[in-house]
Amino acid sequence: MEFRLIRSFLVVAEELNIGRAAKRLFIAQPPLSKQIQQLEEELECLLFERIPKGLRLTPEGETFVIEAKKIKLAIDQAASAVCKSNQGSLGTLEISFSGALPSVVLPKLFNRTKQLYPNIDFQIHRKANSSLVLESVANGDLDTGLVLLPINTLGIAYTVISRHRLIAAVPIHHPFAQQKSISLHELHNEKFITNHAYKGSVIREVFIQNCRNAGFNPRIAKEADDTYSILILVAAGCGITLTLEGLENIQSDEICYIPLEDSHDEIELAIIWREGNQSKLLHNALSTLIPIQTHTP
């Protein structure tokens, strides 16, 4: 059954007059009458009764109006979805991340995108480390991801979306817990908890360099897989750590977060995508961000 027959039937059912329906459809009356006849033959029933003033729907015709409207609505919705998909305003964006900071930032990014493109959805994929995020985007397995800079993966473009300074995180009963700010040098005798060295953690590298700039090598007492694990150990009194602004709500009942007086380095969080990716969906999502700076290696 051709959709044009259904469309013509619905117009005739509204007008109950072949002449008026033909004008709406911009065709002559004989071809329209032939279409209705063809539809009745396919359905093996009469859809209209011919009366002096025009037409009247038969019981079968009334039933078919209900079902035909459902068909038309489904086709209209399908056509609209295809159009929106082609325009990049409908679809699912696959986004990858690792670590704690992206999980804090992502809801804000999603909300901003949803305000302008309510039909864009997100599928998130948490990875064990940034290397896997970069790999999944570079290979085209996922559309985009969030990582801490710097990166040196070829074929990856990025936009910085936020910058974060290091802050100290100490147990709530630590002697430094009541201080409004602290210098790195004051921490030189402390036991530190940080990421495993083999993870290639940006935060670990910046933390160690900042301590050396302050005149000491940090005493690393424990290592953990991720920021959440590190902060759990801090809350348990196993040591202190340096973490990023923006994470102060994690274990906030058991940890005091203290600004550093002598550390001005900023760690950049970036959204990444494969260079040359022409996806309109990705382009529209990225356009909702407020870029600080866009780079390609």
Protein backbone atom coordinates (compact mmCIF):
# COMPACT_ATOMS: atom_id res chain seq x y z
CA MET A 1 0.00 0.00 0.00
CA GLU A 2 1.48 3.32 -1.07
CA PHE A 3 1.59 6.19 1.40
CA ARG A 4 0.24 8.60 -1.22
CA LEU A 5 -3.02 6.62 -1.19
CA ILE A 6 -3.28 6.98 2.58
CA ARG A 7 -2.54 10.69 2.37
CA SER A 8 -5.18 11.19 -0.32
CA PHE A 9 -7.71 9.16 1.67
CA LEU A 10 -7.22 11.34 4.76
CA VAL A 11 -7.78 14.54 2.78
CA VAL A 12 -10.95 13.11 1.20
CA ALA A 13 -12.11 11.94 4.66
CA GLU A 14 -11.69 15.49 5.96
CA GLU A 15 -13.43 17.20 3.04
CA LEU A 16 -16.02 14.48 2.26
CA ASN A 17 -16.00 15.97 -1.23
CA ILE A 18 -13.82 14.79 -4.11
CA GLY A 19 -13.70 18.23 -5.74
CA ARG A 20 -12.48 20.09 -2.65
CA ALA A 21 -10.05 17.29 -1.78
CA ALA A 22 -8.61 17.36 -5.31
CA LYS A 23 -7.96 21.10 -5.01
CA ARG A 24 -6.11 20.61 -1.72
CA LEU A 25 -4.00 17.87 -3.27
CA PHE A 26 -3.40 19.84 -6.49
CA ILE A 27 -4.63 17.02 -8.71
CA ALA A 28 -7.65 16.50 -10.94
CA GLN A 29 -10.77 14.75 -9.64
CA PRO A 30 -10.56 11.60 -11.84
CA PRO A 31 -7.07 10.58 -10.65
CA LEU A 32 -8.13 11.17 -7.04
CA SER A 33 -11.26 9.06 -7.48
CA LYS A 34 -9.07 6.36 -9.00
CA GLN A 35 -6.72 6.45 -5.97
CA ILE A 36 -9.64 5.97 -3.58
CA GLN A 37 -10.95 3.13 -5.70
CA GLN A 38 -7.50 1.50 -5.70
CA LEU A 39 -7.31 1.79 -1.92
CA GLU A 40 -10.76 0.24 -1.51
CA GLU A 41 -9.73 -2.64 -3.78
CA GLU A 42 -6.61 -3.26 -1.72
CA LEU A 43 -8.59 -3.20 1.52
CA GLU A 44 -11.46 -5.17 -0.03
CA CYS A 45 -14.09 -2.87 1.43
CA LEU A 46 -15.86 0.40 0.72
CA LEU A 47 -14.48 3.41 2.58
CA PHE A 48 -17.05 5.96 1.43
CA GLU A 49 -20.73 6.02 0.58
CA ARG A 50 -21.74 8.30 -2.28
CA ILE A 51 -24.56 10.63 -1.22
CA PRO A 52 -26.15 13.58 -3.09
CA LYS A 53 -24.13 16.22 -1.22
CA GLY A 54 -20.82 14.39 -1.47
CA LEU A 55 -19.43 11.48 0.51
CA ARG A 56 -19.96 9.80 3.85
CA LEU A 57 -17.52 7.49 5.61
CA THR A 58 -18.59 3.88 6.01
CA PRO A 59 -17.93 2.16 9.37
CA GLU A 60 -14.86 0.61 7.71
CA GLY A 61 -13.81 4.05 6.52
CA GLU A 62 -14.13 5.51 10.01
CA THR A 63 -11.95 2.72 11.37
CA PHE A 64 -9.39 3.26 8.64
CA VAL A 65 -9.24 7.01 9.37
CA ILE A 66 -8.05 6.23 12.91
CA GLU A 67 -5.35 3.83 11.73
CA ALA A 68 -4.33 5.97 8.75
CA LYS A 69 -3.72 8.96 11.03
CA LYS A 70 -1.41 6.80 13.15
CA ILE A 71 0.50 5.79 10.03
CA LYS A 72 0.80 9.39 8.85
CA LEU A 73 1.97 10.54 12.28
CA ALA A 74 4.61 7.81 12.41
CA ILE A 75 5.89 8.71 8.95
CA ASP A 76 5.92 12.43 9.76
CA GLN A 77 7.85 11.74 12.96
CA ALA A 78 10.32 9.53 11.11
CA ALA A 79 10.87 12.21 8.48
CA SER A 80 11.35 14.85 11.17
CA ALA A 81 13.84 12.65 13.02
CA VAL A 82 15.87 12.09 9.85
CA CYS A 83 15.87 15.83 9.17
CA LYS A 84 17.00 16.66 12.71
CA SER A 85 19.63 13.95 12.58
CA ASN A 86 20.96 15.35 9.32
CA GLN A 87 21.09 18.80 10.91
CA GLY A 88 22.88 17.45 13.98
CA SER A 89 20.09 18.39 16.38
CA LEU A 90 19.02 14.82 17.19
CA GLY A 91 21.11 11.83 18.14
CA THR A 92 23.34 10.37 20.82
CA LEU A 93 26.83 11.64 21.54
CA GLU A 94 29.24 9.06 22.93
CA ILE A 95 31.53 10.71 25.49
CA SER A 96 34.36 9.20 27.52
CA PHE A 97 36.18 10.34 30.65
CA SER A 98 38.31 9.20 33.55
CA GLY A 99 38.96 10.62 36.99
CA ALA A 100 36.83 12.69 39.33
CA LEU A 101 36.87 16.17 37.82
CA PRO A 102 35.02 15.32 34.57
CA SER A 103 32.24 13.68 36.57
CA VAL A 104 31.71 17.03 38.32
CA VAL A 105 31.85 19.07 35.11
CA LEU A 106 29.85 16.80 32.79
CA PRO A 107 26.37 17.52 34.21
CA LYS A 108 26.92 21.24 33.59
CA LEU A 109 28.00 20.56 30.01
CA PHE A 110 25.02 18.28 29.41
CA ASN A 111 22.58 20.84 30.79
CA ARG A 112 24.03 23.60 28.62
CA THR A 113 23.77 21.48 25.49
CA LYS A 114 20.24 20.34 26.35
CA GLN A 115 19.07 23.94 26.62
CA LEU A 116 19.86 24.55 22.94
CA TYR A 117 19.52 21.01 21.58
CA PRO A 118 16.96 19.13 23.71
CA ASN A 119 17.01 16.13 21.34
CA ILE A 120 20.72 15.46 21.76
CA ASP A 121 21.34 12.63 24.23
CA PHE A 122 24.57 11.48 25.83
CA GLN A 123 26.02 8.05 26.43
CA ILE A 124 28.93 8.18 28.87
CA HIS A 125 31.80 5.71 29.10
CA ARG A 126 34.08 5.80 32.14
CA LYS A 127 37.63 4.66 31.43
CA ALA A 128 40.38 3.62 33.82
CA ASN A 129 42.74 6.40 32.72
CA SER A 130 43.19 9.25 30.26
CA SER A 131 45.22 7.13 27.85
CA LEU A 132 42.19 4.93 27.23
CA VAL A 133 40.00 8.01 26.73
CA LEU A 134 42.43 9.37 24.13
CA GLU A 135 42.67 5.99 22.42
CA SER A 136 38.90 5.54 22.17
CA VAL A 137 38.46 8.98 20.60
CA ALA A 138 41.50 8.75 18.30
CA ASN A 139 40.27 5.38 16.99
CA GLY A 140 36.79 6.76 16.33
CA ASP A 141 35.19 4.36 18.81
CA LEU A 142 33.71 7.30 20.72
CA ASP A 143 32.83 10.84 19.63
CA THR A 144 34.51 12.87 22.32
CA GLY A 145 36.05 12.78 25.77
CA LEU A 146 37.29 14.84 28.71
CA VAL A 147 40.96 14.76 29.73
CA LEU A 148 43.45 16.83 31.67
CA LEU A 149 46.13 18.54 29.60
CA PRO A 150 48.78 18.24 28.34
CA ILE A 151 48.23 15.57 25.71
CA ASN A 152 50.45 14.53 22.83
CA THR A 153 48.24 12.09 20.92
CA LEU A 154 48.34 12.77 17.19
CA GLY A 155 45.06 13.46 15.41
CA ILE A 156 43.29 14.84 18.48
CA ALA A 157 41.84 18.36 18.64
CA TYR A 158 40.63 19.91 21.86
CA THR A 159 39.03 22.88 23.54
CA VAL A 160 39.90 23.90 27.09
CA ILE A 161 36.69 24.18 29.08
CA SER A 162 38.00 24.92 32.58
CA ARG A 163 41.16 25.62 34.55
CA HIS A 164 41.80 24.45 38.11
CA ARG A 165 44.44 25.22 40.73
CA LEU A 166 45.83 22.74 43.20
CA ILE A 167 44.44 22.79 46.72
CA ALA A 168 45.44 20.86 49.82
CA ALA A 169 43.10 18.20 51.21
CA VAL A 170 43.65 17.23 54.85
CA PRO A 171 41.65 15.15 57.36
CA ILE A 172 39.12 17.17 59.33
CA HIS A 173 41.06 16.75 62.60
CA HIS A 174 44.45 17.60 61.08
CA PRO A 175 46.33 20.53 62.73
CA PHE A 176 46.13 22.47 59.46
CA ALA A 177 42.38 21.91 59.06
CA GLN A 178 41.37 25.30 60.48
CA GLN A 179 43.72 27.35 58.30
CA LYS A 180 42.20 29.60 55.64
CA SER A 181 45.22 29.04 53.38
CA ILE A 182 48.57 27.30 53.54
CA SER A 183 51.96 27.39 51.85
CA LEU A 184 53.43 24.31 50.24
CA HIS A 185 56.54 24.59 52.39
CA GLU A 186 54.40 24.11 55.51
CA LEU A 187 53.54 20.66 54.17
CA HIS A 188 57.13 19.44 53.75
CA ASN A 189 56.93 17.02 56.71
CA GLU A 190 53.54 15.60 55.76
CA LYS A 191 52.79 12.13 54.43
CA PHE A 192 51.22 12.41 50.98
CA ILE A 193 48.77 10.17 49.16
CA THR A 194 48.74 10.34 45.38
CA ASN A 195 48.11 8.40 42.17
CA HIS A 196 50.29 5.48 41.16
CA ALA A 197 53.28 6.65 39.15
CA TYR A 198 52.52 4.29 36.28
CA LYS A 199 49.14 5.92 35.72
CA GLY A 200 50.88 8.93 34.19
CA SER A 201 48.77 11.24 36.32
CA VAL A 202 48.91 14.92 35.34
CA ILE A 203 47.98 15.90 38.90
CA ARG A 204 50.81 13.78 40.35
CA GLU A 205 53.37 15.34 38.03
CA VAL A 206 52.25 18.91 38.82
CA PHE A 207 52.05 18.13 42.54
CA ILE A 208 55.62 16.76 42.69
CA GLN A 209 57.00 19.65 40.64
CA ASN A 210 55.27 22.21 42.87
CA CYS A 211 56.72 20.58 45.98
CA ARG A 212 60.20 20.66 44.46
CA ASN A 213 59.72 24.31 43.57
CA ALA A 214 58.89 24.88 47.25
CA GLY A 215 62.20 23.28 48.24
CA PHE A 216 61.36 19.69 49.13
CA ASN A 217 60.61 16.28 47.68
CA PRO A 218 57.21 15.05 48.91
CA ARG A 219 57.13 11.99 51.13
CA ILE A 220 54.66 9.69 49.38
CA ALA A 221 53.22 7.29 51.95
CA LYS A 222 50.47 5.70 49.87
CA GLU A 223 49.38 5.47 46.26
CA ALA A 224 45.89 4.80 44.92
CA ASP A 225 44.19 4.22 41.58
CA ASP A 226 42.05 7.34 41.39
CA THR A 227 41.05 10.60 43.07
CA TYR A 228 38.07 9.06 44.88
CA SER A 229 40.29 6.39 46.45
CA ILE A 230 42.90 8.99 47.41
CA LEU A 231 40.32 11.17 49.15
CA ILE A 232 38.86 8.20 51.00
CA LEU A 233 42.35 7.51 52.39
CA VAL A 234 42.72 11.17 53.34
CA ALA A 235 39.35 11.08 55.12
CA ALA A 236 40.55 7.99 56.99
CA GLY A 237 43.57 9.91 58.29
CA CYS A 238 46.19 8.06 56.25
CA GLY A 239 47.80 11.25 54.98
CA ILE A 240 47.10 14.39 52.97
CA THR A 241 46.99 15.11 49.25
CA LEU A 242 46.95 17.89 46.71
CA THR A 243 43.89 17.81 44.51
CA LEU A 244 42.00 20.16 42.20
CA GLU A 245 39.61 23.01 42.80
CA GLY A 246 36.09 21.85 42.04
CA LEU A 247 36.29 18.61 44.00
CA GLU A 248 35.59 20.10 47.42
CA ASN A 249 32.26 18.28 47.77
CA ILE A 250 33.92 14.84 47.82
CA GLN A 251 34.12 13.49 51.39
CA SER A 252 33.42 17.06 52.53
CA ASP A 253 32.32 15.96 56.03
CA GLU A 254 35.68 14.30 56.67
CA ILE A 255 38.10 16.49 54.71
CA CYS A 256 39.11 20.16 54.81
CA TYR A 257 40.14 21.68 51.51
CA ILE A 258 42.67 24.51 51.84
CA PRO A 259 43.84 26.95 49.13
CA LEU A 260 47.60 27.02 48.50
CA GLU A 261 49.34 30.38 48.87
CA ASP A 262 52.36 29.66 46.69
CA SER A 263 51.05 27.43 43.89
CA HIS A 264 49.70 29.31 40.90
CA ASP A 265 49.88 26.57 38.28
CA GLU A 266 46.55 25.76 36.64
CA ILE A 267 45.62 22.35 35.31
CA GLU A 268 43.42 22.52 32.23
CA LEU A 269 40.44 20.26 31.56
CA ALA A 270 39.72 19.85 27.86
CA ILE A 271 37.06 18.27 25.70
CA ILE A 272 38.68 16.31 22.88
CA TRP A 273 37.56 14.96 19.51
CA ARG A 274 39.14 13.29 16.52
CA GLU A 275 40.64 15.85 14.17
CA GLY A 276 38.61 15.96 10.95
CA ASN A 277 35.43 14.60 12.53
CA GLN A 278 32.66 16.18 10.42
CA SER A 279 29.75 15.10 12.63
CA LYS A 280 27.13 17.85 12.78
CA LEU A 281 25.94 16.37 16.06
CA LEU A 282 29.41 16.81 17.57
CA HIS A 283 29.76 20.29 16.07
CA ASN A 284 26.46 21.43 17.59
CA ALA A 285 27.32 20.02 21.00
CA LEU A 286 30.73 21.72 20.94
CA SER A 287 29.16 25.00 19.86
CA THR A 288 27.26 25.19 23.16
CA LEU A 289 30.51 25.31 25.12
CA ILE A 290 32.29 28.54 25.96
CA PRO A 291 35.75 27.80 24.58
CA ILE A 292 38.78 29.32 26.25
CA GLN A 293 41.15 28.21 23.54
CA THR A 294 41.02 25.68 20.69
CA HIS A 295 44.08 23.69 19.66
CA THR A 296 45.26 21.05 17.28
CA PRO A 297 48.64 19.42 17.98
